Amino acid sequence: QTTWGERVLARLRVQGDESTIDAGCGTGRLTAQLMARLPHGRLIAIDRSWNMLLTARANLRPEFGRRIAYVRVD
C-alpha cells in the first residue's frame, strides 16, 4: 500500500499551504510524506482504529506538531 500511495503523492500538485484529509492514515508513513510537501498546511488524519491513530500521532507529532488533528471515524 505504501508504494501505491507514493505513486499517488508523486502525481499530487500542491502549493504547500493546503488543508487536507488523510482517510485511513494508518501509522502515518504516507501522512508524513504528504505533510513534508505542505510546510504551511494542515491535515486531518482519519482512521477507524484508535491504535493506528495513537501510533500515527506518536510518529508525526514530533515533526509536525499540532498541524495534524487525529479523528477516529468508522
Protein backbone atom coordinates (compact mmCIF):
# COMPACT_ATOMS: atom_id res chain seq x y z
CA GLN A 1 0.00 0.00 0.00
CA THR A 2 2.88 2.38 0.66
CA THR A 3 4.17 2.02 -2.90
CA TRP A 4 0.72 2.75 -4.31
CA GLY A 5 0.34 5.76 -2.01
CA GLU A 6 3.74 7.12 -3.01
CA ARG A 7 2.71 6.97 -6.67
CA VAL A 8 -0.43 8.95 -5.84
CA LEU A 9 1.59 11.54 -3.89
CA ALA A 10 4.03 11.89 -6.80
CA ARG A 11 1.15 12.98 -9.05
CA LEU A 12 -0.29 15.39 -6.50
CA ARG A 13 0.33 19.08 -7.19
CA VAL A 14 0.27 21.26 -4.07
CA GLN A 15 1.22 24.83 -3.20
CA GLY A 16 2.23 23.97 0.36
CA ASP A 17 -0.47 25.74 2.34
CA GLU A 18 -3.46 23.49 1.73
CA SER A 19 -5.68 21.84 4.31
CA THR A 20 -6.32 18.18 3.59
CA ILE A 21 -7.61 14.88 4.93
CA ASP A 22 -5.79 11.56 5.04
CA ALA A 23 -8.55 8.95 5.23
CA GLY A 24 -7.12 5.69 6.54
CA CYS A 25 -3.88 7.21 7.79
CA GLY A 26 -2.66 4.02 9.47
CA THR A 27 0.73 4.54 11.11
CA GLY A 28 1.25 7.88 9.36
CA ARG A 29 4.04 6.89 6.98
CA LEU A 30 2.36 8.42 3.90
CA THR A 31 0.90 11.21 6.02
CA ALA A 32 4.45 12.31 6.84
CA GLN A 33 5.38 12.35 3.16
CA LEU A 34 2.34 14.48 2.38
CA MET A 35 2.99 16.87 5.27
CA ALA A 36 6.59 17.33 4.12
CA ARG A 37 5.09 18.81 0.95
CA LEU A 38 2.73 21.05 2.96
CA PRO A 39 5.09 23.15 5.11
CA HIS A 40 2.33 25.67 5.83
CA GLY A 41 -0.61 23.28 5.57
CA ARG A 42 -2.84 21.43 7.99
CA LEU A 43 -4.20 17.90 7.88
CA ILE A 44 -6.90 15.78 9.50
CA ALA A 45 -5.67 12.19 9.92
CA ILE A 46 -8.61 9.79 9.97
CA ASP A 47 -8.64 6.10 10.80
CA ARG A 48 -11.15 3.67 12.28
CA SER A 49 -8.57 2.23 14.69
CA TRP A 50 -7.59 4.09 17.85
CA ASN A 51 -4.36 2.09 17.91
CA MET A 52 -3.42 3.29 14.43
CA LEU A 53 -4.23 6.89 15.37
CA LEU A 54 -2.15 6.66 18.53
CA THR A 55 0.76 5.24 16.52
CA ALA A 56 0.37 7.90 13.83
CA ARG A 57 0.31 10.65 16.44
CA ALA A 58 3.43 9.27 18.13
CA ASN A 59 5.19 9.12 14.76
CA LEU A 60 4.03 12.50 13.42
CA ARG A 61 3.70 14.88 16.35
CA PRO A 62 7.46 15.38 16.92
CA GLU A 63 7.93 16.75 13.41
CA PHE A 64 4.55 18.27 12.55
CA GLY A 65 3.18 19.25 15.95
CA ARG A 66 -0.38 20.41 16.08
CA ARG A 67 -0.72 20.95 12.34
CA ILE A 68 -2.28 17.47 12.29
CA ALA A 69 -5.57 16.60 14.03
CA TYR A 70 -6.43 12.94 14.67
CA VAL A 71 -10.01 11.69 14.34
CA ARG A 72 -11.46 8.20 14.72
CA VAL A 73 -14.21 7.51 12.19
CA ASP A 74 -15.94 4.22 11.32
